[in-house]
Amino acid sequence: LVHCPFLVLQTKGELVAGKEGSVIVEFTNPLKQTLENVTLRLEGPRVLRTIKKQFGRIPMNSTLTWEVKFFPMRPGLQKLIASLNSDALRHVYGELNVQIQKP
């Protein structure tokens, strides 16, 4: 039984509206094969514009870490959603609720 892999999202420090913040997306390849043609996508309605990044390959058991810097504009509770697609794995998701502080 292969459990569905997922993406782990975490922010560095607190997020403040109008100031640069960053989110880190992590993924560990659980398959006994190298993942090819990996694409990661990060979106956060009202937080950041959708960003896509190509990663060539992720060897088995290795972890990919992607840090994205952004400027959240609106304070309040928002959601960041990441997704990963590759030749062997599709629609791997992760999400994170983030509290954006008033400046």
PDB file of N, CA and C in Angstrom:
ATOM      1  N   LEU A   1       0.851  -1.199   0.000  1.00  0.00           N
ATOM      2  CA  LEU A   1       0.000   0.000   0.000  1.00  0.00           C
ATOM      3  C   LEU A   1       0.885   1.248   0.000  1.00  0.00           C
ATOM      4  N   VAL A   2       0.758   2.048  -1.024  1.00  0.00           N
ATOM      5  CA  VAL A   2       1.520   3.293  -1.085  1.00  0.00           C
ATOM      6  C   VAL A   2       0.628   4.392  -0.530  1.00  0.00           C
ATOM      7  N   HIS A   3       1.061   5.009   0.574  1.00  0.00           N
ATOM      8  CA  HIS A   3       0.240   6.114   1.066  1.00  0.00           C
ATOM      9  C   HIS A   3       0.464   7.303   0.156  1.00  0.00           C
ATOM     10  N   CYS A   4      -0.541   8.112   0.037  1.00  0.00           N
ATOM     11  CA  CYS A   4      -0.463   9.251  -0.862  1.00  0.00           C
ATOM     12  C   CYS A   4       0.564  10.248  -0.335  1.00  0.00           C
ATOM     13  N   PRO A   5       1.584  10.552  -1.120  1.00  0.00           N
ATOM     14  CA  PRO A   5       2.563  11.517  -0.651  1.00  0.00           C
ATOM     15  C   PRO A   5       1.943  12.910  -0.601  1.00  0.00           C
ATOM     16  N   PHE A   6       2.554  13.794   0.112  1.00  0.00           N
ATOM     17  CA  PHE A   6       2.003  15.136   0.198  1.00  0.00           C
ATOM     18  C   PHE A   6       3.133  16.146   0.275  1.00  0.00           C
ATOM     19  N   LEU A   7       2.764  17.399   0.103  1.00  0.00           N
ATOM     20  CA  LEU A   7       3.722  18.492   0.193  1.00  0.00           C
ATOM     21  C   LEU A   7       3.592  19.119   1.569  1.00  0.00           C
ATOM     22  N   VAL A   8       4.712  19.493   2.138  1.00  0.00           N
ATOM     23  CA  VAL A   8       4.706  20.166   3.433  1.00  0.00           C
ATOM     24  C   VAL A   8       5.042  21.634   3.186  1.00  0.00           C
ATOM     25  N   LEU A   9       4.167  22.521   3.662  1.00  0.00           N
ATOM     26  CA  LEU A   9       4.415  23.954   3.515  1.00  0.00           C
ATOM     27  C   LEU A   9       4.659  24.547   4.886  1.00  0.00           C
ATOM     28  N   GLN A  10       5.633  25.441   4.955  1.00  0.00           N
ATOM     29  CA  GLN A  10       5.825  26.183   6.196  1.00  0.00           C
ATOM     30  C   GLN A  10       6.349  27.569   5.874  1.00  0.00           C
ATOM     31  N   THR A  11       5.996  28.522   6.714  1.00  0.00           N
ATOM     32  CA  THR A  11       6.483  29.876   6.497  1.00  0.00           C
ATOM     33  C   THR A  11       7.654  30.119   7.432  1.00  0.00           C
ATOM     34  N   LYS A  12       8.500  31.071   7.044  1.00  0.00           N
ATOM     35  CA  LYS A  12       9.609  31.445   7.901  1.00  0.00           C
ATOM     36  C   LYS A  12       9.210  32.706   8.656  1.00  0.00           C
ATOM     37  N   GLY A  13       9.185  32.629   9.968  1.00  0.00           N
ATOM     38  CA  GLY A  13       8.831  33.799  10.756  1.00  0.00           C
ATOM     39  C   GLY A  13       7.376  34.167  10.535  1.00  0.00           C
ATOM     40  N   GLU A  14       7.000  35.355  10.994  1.00  0.00           N
ATOM     41  CA  GLU A  14       5.605  35.730  10.814  1.00  0.00           C
ATOM     42  C   GLU A  14       5.439  36.521   9.534  1.00  0.00           C
ATOM     43  N   LEU A  15       4.242  36.460   8.989  1.00  0.00           N
ATOM     44  CA  LEU A  15       3.958  37.179   7.753  1.00  0.00           C
ATOM     45  C   LEU A  15       3.241  38.472   8.104  1.00  0.00           C
ATOM     46  N   VAL A  16       3.735  39.555   7.527  1.00  0.00           N
ATOM     47  CA  VAL A  16       3.147  40.875   7.785  1.00  0.00           C
ATOM     48  C   VAL A  16       2.773  41.491   6.444  1.00  0.00           C
ATOM     49  N   ALA A  17       1.570  42.041   6.356  1.00  0.00           N
ATOM     50  CA  ALA A  17       1.104  42.653   5.102  1.00  0.00           C
ATOM     51  C   ALA A  17       2.086  43.728   4.648  1.00  0.00           C
ATOM     52  N   GLY A  18       2.446  43.673   3.355  1.00  0.00           N
ATOM     53  CA  GLY A  18       3.333  44.676   2.785  1.00  0.00           C
ATOM     54  C   GLY A  18       4.812  44.419   3.010  1.00  0.00           C
ATOM     55  N   LYS A  19       5.156  43.395   3.779  1.00  0.00           N
ATOM     56  CA  LYS A  19       6.573  43.072   4.001  1.00  0.00           C
ATOM     57  C   LYS A  19       6.882  41.718   3.363  1.00  0.00           C
ATOM     58  N   GLU A  20       8.148  41.575   2.975  1.00  0.00           N
ATOM     59  CA  GLU A  20       8.521  40.319   2.330  1.00  0.00           C
ATOM     60  C   GLU A  20       8.428  39.153   3.315  1.00  0.00           C
ATOM     61  N   GLY A  21       7.809  38.094   2.855  1.00  0.00           N
ATOM     62  CA  GLY A  21       7.756  36.878   3.647  1.00  0.00           C
ATOM     63  C   GLY A  21       8.227  35.730   2.774  1.00  0.00           C
ATOM     64  N   SER A  22       8.372  34.556   3.372  1.00  0.00           N
ATOM     65  CA  SER A  22       8.723  33.435   2.523  1.00  0.00           C
ATOM     66  C   SER A  22       8.057  32.170   3.009  1.00  0.00           C
ATOM     67  N   VAL A  23       7.781  31.310   2.042  1.00  0.00           N
ATOM     68  CA  VAL A  23       7.180  30.017   2.347  1.00  0.00           C
ATOM     69  C   VAL A  23       8.099  28.951   1.751  1.00  0.00           C
ATOM     70  N   ILE A  24       8.225  27.850   2.469  1.00  0.00           N
ATOM     71  CA  ILE A  24       9.057  26.750   2.015  1.00  0.00           C
ATOM     72  C   ILE A  24       8.157  25.553   1.731  1.00  0.00           C
ATOM     73  N   VAL A  25       8.330  24.996   0.534  1.00  0.00           N
ATOM     74  CA  VAL A  25       7.569  23.812   0.137  1.00  0.00           C
ATOM     75  C   VAL A  25       8.558  22.645   0.124  1.00  0.00           C
ATOM     76  N   GLU A  26       8.201  21.570   0.819  1.00  0.00           N
ATOM     77  CA  GLU A  26       9.071  20.396   0.852  1.00  0.00           C
ATOM     78  C   GLU A  26       8.337  19.171   0.366  1.00  0.00           C
ATOM     79  N   PHE A  27       9.065  18.347  -0.367  1.00  0.00           N
ATOM     80  CA  PHE A  27       8.491  17.100  -0.855  1.00  0.00           C
ATOM     81  C   PHE A  27       9.556  16.025  -0.813  1.00  0.00           C
ATOM     82  N   THR A  28       9.213  14.874  -0.257  1.00  0.00           N
ATOM     83  CA  THR A  28      10.131  13.732  -0.260  1.00  0.00           C
ATOM     84  C   THR A  28       9.560  12.664  -1.185  1.00  0.00           C
ATOM     85  N   ASN A  29      10.372  12.221  -2.119  1.00  0.00           N
ATOM     86  CA  ASN A  29       9.937  11.218  -3.095  1.00  0.00           C
ATOM     87  C   ASN A  29       9.828   9.848  -2.418  1.00  0.00           C
ATOM     88  N   PRO A  30       8.603   9.317  -2.292  1.00  0.00           N
ATOM     89  CA  PRO A  30       8.405   8.049  -1.591  1.00  0.00           C
ATOM     90  C   PRO A  30       8.539   6.833  -2.507  1.00  0.00           C
ATOM     91  N   LEU A  31       8.669   7.062  -3.811  1.00  0.00           N
ATOM     92  CA  LEU A  31       8.684   5.935  -4.744  1.00  0.00           C
ATOM     93  C   LEU A  31      10.071   5.320  -4.829  1.00  0.00           C
ATOM     94  N   LYS A  32      10.105   4.080  -5.321  1.00  0.00           N
ATOM     95  CA  LYS A  32      11.393   3.407  -5.487  1.00  0.00           C
ATOM     96  C   LYS A  32      11.925   3.693  -6.892  1.00  0.00           C
ATOM     97  N   GLN A  33      11.724   4.900  -7.336  1.00  0.00           N
ATOM     98  CA  GLN A  33      12.207   5.303  -8.658  1.00  0.00           C
ATOM     99  C   GLN A  33      12.406   6.808  -8.645  1.00  0.00           C
ATOM    100  N   THR A  34      13.199   7.280  -9.602  1.00  0.00           N
ATOM    101  CA  THR A  34      13.408   8.712  -9.737  1.00  0.00           C
ATOM    102  C   THR A  34      12.194   9.333 -10.407  1.00  0.00           C
ATOM    103  N   LEU A  35      11.733  10.450  -9.868  1.00  0.00           N
ATOM    104  CA  LEU A  35      10.633  11.175 -10.518  1.00  0.00           C
ATOM    105  C   LEU A  35      11.217  12.059 -11.605  1.00  0.00           C
ATOM    106  N   GLU A  36      10.603  12.020 -12.776  1.00  0.00           N
ATOM    107  CA  GLU A  36      11.067  12.820 -13.916  1.00  0.00           C
ATOM    108  C   GLU A  36      10.066  13.932 -14.216  1.00  0.00           C
ATOM    109  N   ASN A  37      10.569  14.999 -14.828  1.00  0.00           N
ATOM    110  CA  ASN A  37       9.704  16.105 -15.276  1.00  0.00           C
ATOM    111  C   ASN A  37       8.803  16.622 -14.160  1.00  0.00           C
ATOM    112  N   VAL A  38       9.419  16.999 -13.068  1.00  0.00           N
ATOM    113  CA  VAL A  38       8.659  17.460 -11.913  1.00  0.00           C
ATOM    114  C   VAL A  38       8.334  18.945 -12.059  1.00  0.00           C
ATOM    115  N   THR A  39       7.076  19.290 -11.852  1.00  0.00           N
ATOM    116  CA  THR A  39       6.645  20.688 -11.843  1.00  0.00           C
ATOM    117  C   THR A  39       5.966  20.968 -10.520  1.00  0.00           C
ATOM    118  N   LEU A  40       6.394  22.040  -9.875  1.00  0.00           N
ATOM    119  CA  LEU A  40       5.745  22.476  -8.643  1.00  0.00           C
ATOM    120  C   LEU A  40       5.013  23.763  -8.928  1.00  0.00           C
ATOM    121  N   ARG A  41       3.870  23.910  -8.260  1.00  0.00           N
ATOM    122  CA  ARG A  41       3.073  25.103  -8.455  1.00  0.00           C
ATOM    123  C   ARG A  41       2.617  25.588  -7.085  1.00  0.00           C
ATOM    124  N   LEU A  42       2.709  26.882  -6.878  1.00  0.00           N
ATOM    125  CA  LEU A  42       2.285  27.450  -5.600  1.00  0.00           C
ATOM    126  C   LEU A  42       1.285  28.549  -5.883  1.00  0.00           C
ATOM    127  N   GLU A  43       0.152  28.496  -5.188  1.00  0.00           N
ATOM    128  CA  GLU A  43      -0.828  29.559  -5.358  1.00  0.00           C
ATOM    129  C   GLU A  43      -1.399  29.949  -4.012  1.00  0.00           C
ATOM    130  N   GLY A  44      -1.828  31.182  -3.946  1.00  0.00           N
ATOM    131  CA  GLY A  44      -2.456  31.664  -2.727  1.00  0.00           C
ATOM    132  C   GLY A  44      -3.343  32.816  -3.117  1.00  0.00           C
ATOM    133  N   PRO A  45      -4.633  32.533  -3.310  1.00  0.00           N
ATOM    134  CA  PRO A  45      -5.543  33.609  -3.697  1.00  0.00           C
ATOM    135  C   PRO A  45      -5.402  34.764  -2.708  1.00  0.00           C
ATOM    136  N   ARG A  46      -5.255  35.961  -3.196  1.00  0.00           N
ATOM    137  CA  ARG A  46      -5.111  37.173  -2.383  1.00  0.00           C
ATOM    138  C   ARG A  46      -3.795  37.238  -1.602  1.00  0.00           C
ATOM    139  N   VAL A  47      -2.893  36.283  -1.833  1.00  0.00           N
ATOM    140  CA  VAL A  47      -1.609  36.334  -1.141  1.00  0.00           C
ATOM    141  C   VAL A  47      -0.471  36.494  -2.140  1.00  0.00           C
ATOM    142  N   LEU A  48      -0.439  35.623  -3.149  1.00  0.00           N
ATOM    143  CA  LEU A  48       0.624  35.723  -4.145  1.00  0.00           C
ATOM    144  C   LEU A  48       0.098  35.224  -5.474  1.00  0.00           C
ATOM    145  N   ARG A  49       0.744  35.671  -6.533  1.00  0.00           N
ATOM    146  CA  ARG A  49       0.327  35.186  -7.843  1.00  0.00           C
ATOM    147  C   ARG A  49       0.844  33.760  -8.003  1.00  0.00           C
ATOM    148  N   THR A  50       0.166  32.998  -8.834  1.00  0.00           N
ATOM    149  CA  THR A  50       0.559  31.608  -9.024  1.00  0.00           C
ATOM    150  C   THR A  50       1.960  31.531  -9.621  1.00  0.00           C
ATOM    151  N   ILE A  51       2.792  30.700  -9.017  1.00  0.00           N
ATOM    152  CA  ILE A  51       4.175  30.538  -9.468  1.00  0.00           C
ATOM    153  C   ILE A  51       4.372  29.075  -9.823  1.00  0.00           C
ATOM    154  N   LYS A  52       4.982  28.841 -10.980  1.00  0.00           N
ATOM    155  CA  LYS A  52       5.296  27.460 -11.364  1.00  0.00           C
ATOM    156  C   LYS A  52       6.795  27.348 -11.511  1.00  0.00           C
ATOM    157  N   LYS A  53       7.327  26.210 -11.122  1.00  0.00           N
ATOM    158  CA  LYS A  53       8.761  25.995 -11.299  1.00  0.00           C
ATOM    159  C   LYS A  53       8.996  24.563 -11.733  1.00  0.00           C
ATOM    160  N   GLN A  54       9.885  24.406 -12.708  1.00  0.00           N
ATOM    161  CA  GLN A  54      10.244  23.073 -13.198  1.00  0.00           C
ATOM    162  C   GLN A  54      11.440  22.575 -12.401  1.00  0.00           C
ATOM    163  N   PHE A  55      11.351  21.341 -11.977  1.00  0.00           N
ATOM    164  CA  PHE A  55      12.504  20.671 -11.387  1.00  0.00           C
ATOM    165  C   PHE A  55      12.709  19.451 -12.254  1.00  0.00           C
ATOM    166  N   GLY A  56      13.921  19.197 -12.686  1.00  0.00           N
ATOM    167  CA  GLY A  56      14.134  18.074 -13.597  1.00  0.00           C
ATOM    168  C   GLY A  56      13.720  16.755 -12.989  1.00  0.00           C
ATOM    169  N   ARG A  57      14.456  16.336 -11.968  1.00  0.00           N
ATOM    170  CA  ARG A  57      14.211  15.009 -11.408  1.00  0.00           C
ATOM    171  C   ARG A  57      14.434  15.003  -9.910  1.00  0.00           C
ATOM    172  N   ILE A  58      13.758  14.080  -9.250  1.00  0.00           N
ATOM    173  CA  ILE A  58      13.951  13.895  -7.811  1.00  0.00           C
ATOM    174  C   ILE A  58      14.245  12.417  -7.583  1.00  0.00           C
ATOM    175  N   PRO A  59      15.468  12.090  -7.194  1.00  0.00           N
ATOM    176  CA  PRO A  59      15.801  10.684  -6.949  1.00  0.00           C
ATOM    177  C   PRO A  59      14.966  10.097  -5.810  1.00  0.00           C
ATOM    178  N   MET A  60      14.872   8.758  -5.766  1.00  0.00           N
ATOM    179  CA  MET A  60      14.087   8.137  -4.707  1.00  0.00           C
ATOM    180  C   MET A  60      14.634   8.506  -3.337  1.00  0.00           C
ATOM    181  N   ASN A  61      13.709   8.683  -2.406  1.00  0.00           N
ATOM    182  CA  ASN A  61      14.028   9.049  -1.017  1.00  0.00           C
ATOM    183  C   ASN A  61      14.683  10.406  -0.850  1.00  0.00           C
ATOM    184  N   SER A  62      14.814  11.182  -1.923  1.00  0.00           N
ATOM    185  CA  SER A  62      15.436  12.475  -1.708  1.00  0.00           C
ATOM    186  C   SER A  62      14.361  13.544  -1.554  1.00  0.00           C
ATOM    187  N   THR A  63      14.752  14.627  -0.896  1.00  0.00           N
ATOM    188  CA  THR A  63      13.794  15.679  -0.576  1.00  0.00           C
ATOM    189  C   THR A  63      14.101  16.932  -1.367  1.00  0.00           C
ATOM    190  N   LEU A  64      13.051  17.481  -1.928  1.00  0.00           N
ATOM    191  CA  LEU A  64      13.142  18.722  -2.682  1.00  0.00           C
ATOM    192  C   LEU A  64      12.665  19.847  -1.766  1.00  0.00           C
ATOM    193  N   THR A  65      13.407  20.938  -1.724  1.00  0.00           N
ATOM    194  CA  THR A  65      12.994  22.091  -0.924  1.00  0.00           C
ATOM    195  C   THR A  65      12.961  23.304  -1.845  1.00  0.00           C
ATOM    196  N   TRP A  66      11.835  24.015  -1.831  1.00  0.00           N
ATOM    197  CA  TRP A  66      11.653  25.182  -2.697  1.00  0.00           C
ATOM    198  C   TRP A  66      11.203  26.335  -1.822  1.00  0.00           C
ATOM    199  N   GLU A  67      11.994  27.400  -1.817  1.00  0.00           N
ATOM    200  CA  GLU A  67      11.611  28.573  -1.027  1.00  0.00           C
ATOM    201  C   GLU A  67      11.123  29.671  -1.961  1.00  0.00           C
ATOM    202  N   VAL A  68       9.965  30.210  -1.639  1.00  0.00           N
ATOM    203  CA  VAL A  68       9.371  31.268  -2.455  1.00  0.00           C
ATOM    204  C   VAL A  68       9.206  32.513  -1.594  1.00  0.00           C
ATOM    205  N   LYS A  69       9.746  33.630  -2.084  1.00  0.00           N
ATOM    206  CA  LYS A  69       9.573  34.894  -1.366  1.00  0.00           C
ATOM    207  C   LYS A  69       8.407  35.656  -1.988  1.00  0.00           C
ATOM    208  N   PHE A  70       7.637  36.315  -1.155  1.00  0.00           N
ATOM    209  CA  PHE A  70       6.472  37.039  -1.669  1.00  0.00           C
ATOM    210  C   PHE A  70       6.102  38.151  -0.703  1.00  0.00           C
ATOM    211  N   PHE A  71       5.264  39.056  -1.179  1.00  0.00           N
ATOM    212  CA  PHE A  71       4.794  40.181  -0.365  1.00  0.00           C
ATOM    213  C   PHE A  71       3.293  40.054  -0.167  1.00  0.00           C
ATOM    214  N   PRO A  72       2.853  39.515   0.966  1.00  0.00           N
ATOM    215  CA  PRO A  72       1.406  39.443   1.183  1.00  0.00           C
ATOM    216  C   PRO A  72       0.852  40.856   1.335  1.00  0.00           C
ATOM    217  N   MET A  73      -0.291  41.129   0.731  1.00  0.00           N
ATOM    218  CA  MET A  73      -0.832  42.483   0.763  1.00  0.00           C
ATOM    219  C   MET A  73      -1.939  42.661   1.791  1.00  0.00           C
ATOM    220  N   ARG A  74      -2.747  41.635   1.986  1.00  0.00           N
ATOM    221  CA  ARG A  74      -3.898  41.792   2.874  1.00  0.00           C
ATOM    222  C   ARG A  74      -3.715  41.035   4.174  1.00  0.00           C
ATOM    223  N   PRO A  75      -3.964  41.716   5.292  1.00  0.00           N
ATOM    224  CA  PRO A  75      -3.926  40.994   6.565  1.00  0.00           C
ATOM    225  C   PRO A  75      -5.108  40.031   6.673  1.00  0.00           C
ATOM    226  N   GLY A  76      -4.994  39.073   7.573  1.00  0.00           N
ATOM    227  CA  GLY A  76      -6.083  38.128   7.800  1.00  0.00           C
ATOM    228  C   GLY A  76      -5.649  36.710   7.529  1.00  0.00           C
ATOM    229  N   LEU A  77      -6.593  35.793   7.656  1.00  0.00           N
ATOM    230  CA  LEU A  77      -6.308  34.379   7.453  1.00  0.00           C
ATOM    231  C   LEU A  77      -6.406  34.067   5.964  1.00  0.00           C
ATOM    232  N   GLN A  78      -5.331  33.533   5.406  1.00  0.00           N
ATOM    233  CA  GLN A  78      -5.307  33.201   3.982  1.00  0.00           C
ATOM    234  C   GLN A  78      -4.827  31.765   3.835  1.00  0.00           C
ATOM    235  N   LYS A  79      -4.917  31.261   2.621  1.00  0.00           N
ATOM    236  CA  LYS A  79      -4.505  29.877   2.384  1.00  0.00           C
ATOM    237  C   LYS A  79      -3.493  29.810   1.248  1.00  0.00           C
ATOM    238  N   LEU A  80      -2.435  29.049   1.469  1.00  0.00           N
ATOM    239  CA  LEU A  80      -1.463  28.767   0.415  1.00  0.00           C
ATOM    240  C   LEU A  80      -1.647  27.312  -0.005  1.00  0.00           C
ATOM    241  N   ILE A  81      -1.605  27.071  -1.304  1.00  0.00           N
ATOM    242  CA  ILE A  81      -1.805  25.720  -1.827  1.00  0.00           C
ATOM    243  C   ILE A  81      -0.664  25.400  -2.787  1.00  0.00           C
ATOM    244  N   ALA A  82      -0.039  24.246  -2.571  1.00  0.00           N
ATOM    245  CA  ALA A  82       1.026  23.825  -3.479  1.00  0.00           C
ATOM    246  C   ALA A  82       0.601  22.521  -4.134  1.00  0.00           C
ATOM    247  N   SER A  83       1.046  22.308  -5.365  1.00  0.00           N
ATOM    248  CA  SER A  83       0.770  21.038  -6.027  1.00  0.00           C
ATOM    249  C   SER A  83       1.983  20.619  -6.851  1.00  0.00           C
ATOM    250  N   LEU A  84       2.135  19.324  -6.977  1.00  0.00           N
ATOM    251  CA  LEU A  84       3.273  18.769  -7.702  1.00  0.00           C
ATOM    252  C   LEU A  84       2.760  17.775  -8.731  1.00  0.00           C
ATOM    253  N   ASN A  85       3.320  17.856  -9.919  1.00  0.00           N
ATOM    254  CA  ASN A  85       3.033  16.878 -10.962  1.00  0.00           C
ATOM    255  C   ASN A  85       4.347  16.364 -11.525  1.00  0.00           C
ATOM    256  N   SER A  86       4.354  15.094 -11.899  1.00  0.00           N
ATOM    257  CA  SER A  86       5.518  14.523 -12.568  1.00  0.00           C
ATOM    258  C   SER A  86       5.015  13.386 -13.446  1.00  0.00           C
ATOM    259  N   ASP A  87       5.944  12.710 -14.127  1.00  0.00           N
ATOM    260  CA  ASP A  87       5.519  11.607 -14.994  1.00  0.00           C
ATOM    261  C   ASP A  87       4.837  10.507 -14.186  1.00  0.00           C
ATOM    262  N   ALA A  88       5.386  10.174 -13.029  1.00  0.00           N
ATOM    263  CA  ALA A  88       4.874   9.029 -12.268  1.00  0.00           C
ATOM    264  C   ALA A  88       3.858   9.410 -11.191  1.00  0.00           C
ATOM    265  N   LEU A  89       3.922  10.629 -10.719  1.00  0.00           N
ATOM    266  CA  LEU A  89       3.023  11.065  -9.644  1.00  0.00           C
ATOM    267  C   LEU A  89       2.302  12.309 -10.103  1.00  0.00           C
ATOM    268  N   ARG A  90       0.991  12.318  -9.904  1.00  0.00           N
ATOM    269  CA  ARG A  90       0.226  13.500 -10.291  1.00  0.00           C
ATOM    270  C   ARG A  90      -0.627  13.978  -9.135  1.00  0.00           C
ATOM    271  N   HIS A  91      -0.906  15.262  -9.155  1.00  0.00           N
ATOM    272  CA  HIS A  91      -1.851  15.836  -8.186  1.00  0.00           C
ATOM    273  C   HIS A  91      -1.466  15.552  -6.741  1.00  0.00           C
ATOM    274  N   VAL A  92      -0.213  15.819  -6.425  1.00  0.00           N
ATOM    275  CA  VAL A  92       0.218  15.745  -5.028  1.00  0.00           C
ATOM    276  C   VAL A  92       0.015  17.151  -4.468  1.00  0.00           C
ATOM    277  N   TYR A  93      -0.694  17.251  -3.352  1.00  0.00           N
ATOM    278  CA  TYR A  93      -1.060  18.569  -2.828  1.00  0.00           C
ATOM    279  C   TYR A  93      -0.548  18.807  -1.420  1.00  0.00           C
ATOM    280  N   GLY A  94      -0.507  20.052  -1.065  1.00  0.00           N
ATOM    281  CA  GLY A  94      -0.294  20.444   0.321  1.00  0.00           C
ATOM    282  C   GLY A  94      -0.921  21.811   0.485  1.00  0.00           C
ATOM    283  N   GLU A  95      -1.412  22.098   1.666  1.00  0.00           N
ATOM    284  CA  GLU A  95      -1.940  23.443   1.877  1.00  0.00           C
ATOM    285  C   GLU A  95      -1.616  23.911   3.277  1.00  0.00           C
ATOM    286  N   LEU A  96      -1.653  25.218   3.446  1.00  0.00           N
ATOM    287  CA  LEU A  96      -1.303  25.809   4.724  1.00  0.00           C
ATOM    288  C   LEU A  96      -2.149  27.054   4.927  1.00  0.00           C
ATOM    289  N   ASN A  97      -2.798  27.133   6.084  1.00  0.00           N
ATOM    290  CA  ASN A  97      -3.490  28.373   6.440  1.00  0.00           C
ATOM    291  C   ASN A  97      -2.470  29.299   7.077  1.00  0.00           C
ATOM    292  N   VAL A  98      -2.419  30.531   6.610  1.00  0.00           N
ATOM    293  CA  VAL A  98      -1.450  31.480   7.148  1.00  0.00           C
ATOM    294  C   VAL A  98      -2.181  32.714   7.676  1.00  0.00           C
ATOM    295  N   GLN A  99      -1.709  33.192   8.798  1.00  0.00           N
ATOM    296  CA  GLN A  99      -2.273  34.405   9.380  1.00  0.00           C
ATOM    297  C   GLN A  99      -1.343  35.558   9.016  1.00  0.00           C
ATOM    298  N   ILE A 100      -1.857  36.508   8.261  1.00  0.00           N
ATOM    299  CA  ILE A 100      -1.040  37.658   7.861  1.00  0.00           C
ATOM    300  C   ILE A 100      -1.366  38.818   8.788  1.00  0.00           C
ATOM    301  N   GLN A 101      -0.317  39.310   9.443  1.00  0.00           N
ATOM    302  CA  GLN A 101      -0.491  40.354  10.447  1.00  0.00           C
ATOM    303  C   GLN A 101      -0.672  41.726   9.796  1.00  0.00           C
ATOM    304  N   LYS A 102      -1.327  42.620  10.528  1.00  0.00           N
ATOM    305  CA  LYS A 102      -1.402  44.017  10.074  1.00  0.00           C
ATOM    306  C   LYS A 102      -0.033  44.643  10.253  1.00  0.00           C
ATOM    307  N   PRO A 103       0.337  45.539   9.341  1.00  0.00           N
ATOM    308  CA  PRO A 103       1.664  46.168   9.454  1.00  0.00           C
ATOM    309  C   PRO A 103       1.744  47.067  10.681  1.00  0.00           C
TER     310      PRO A 103
END
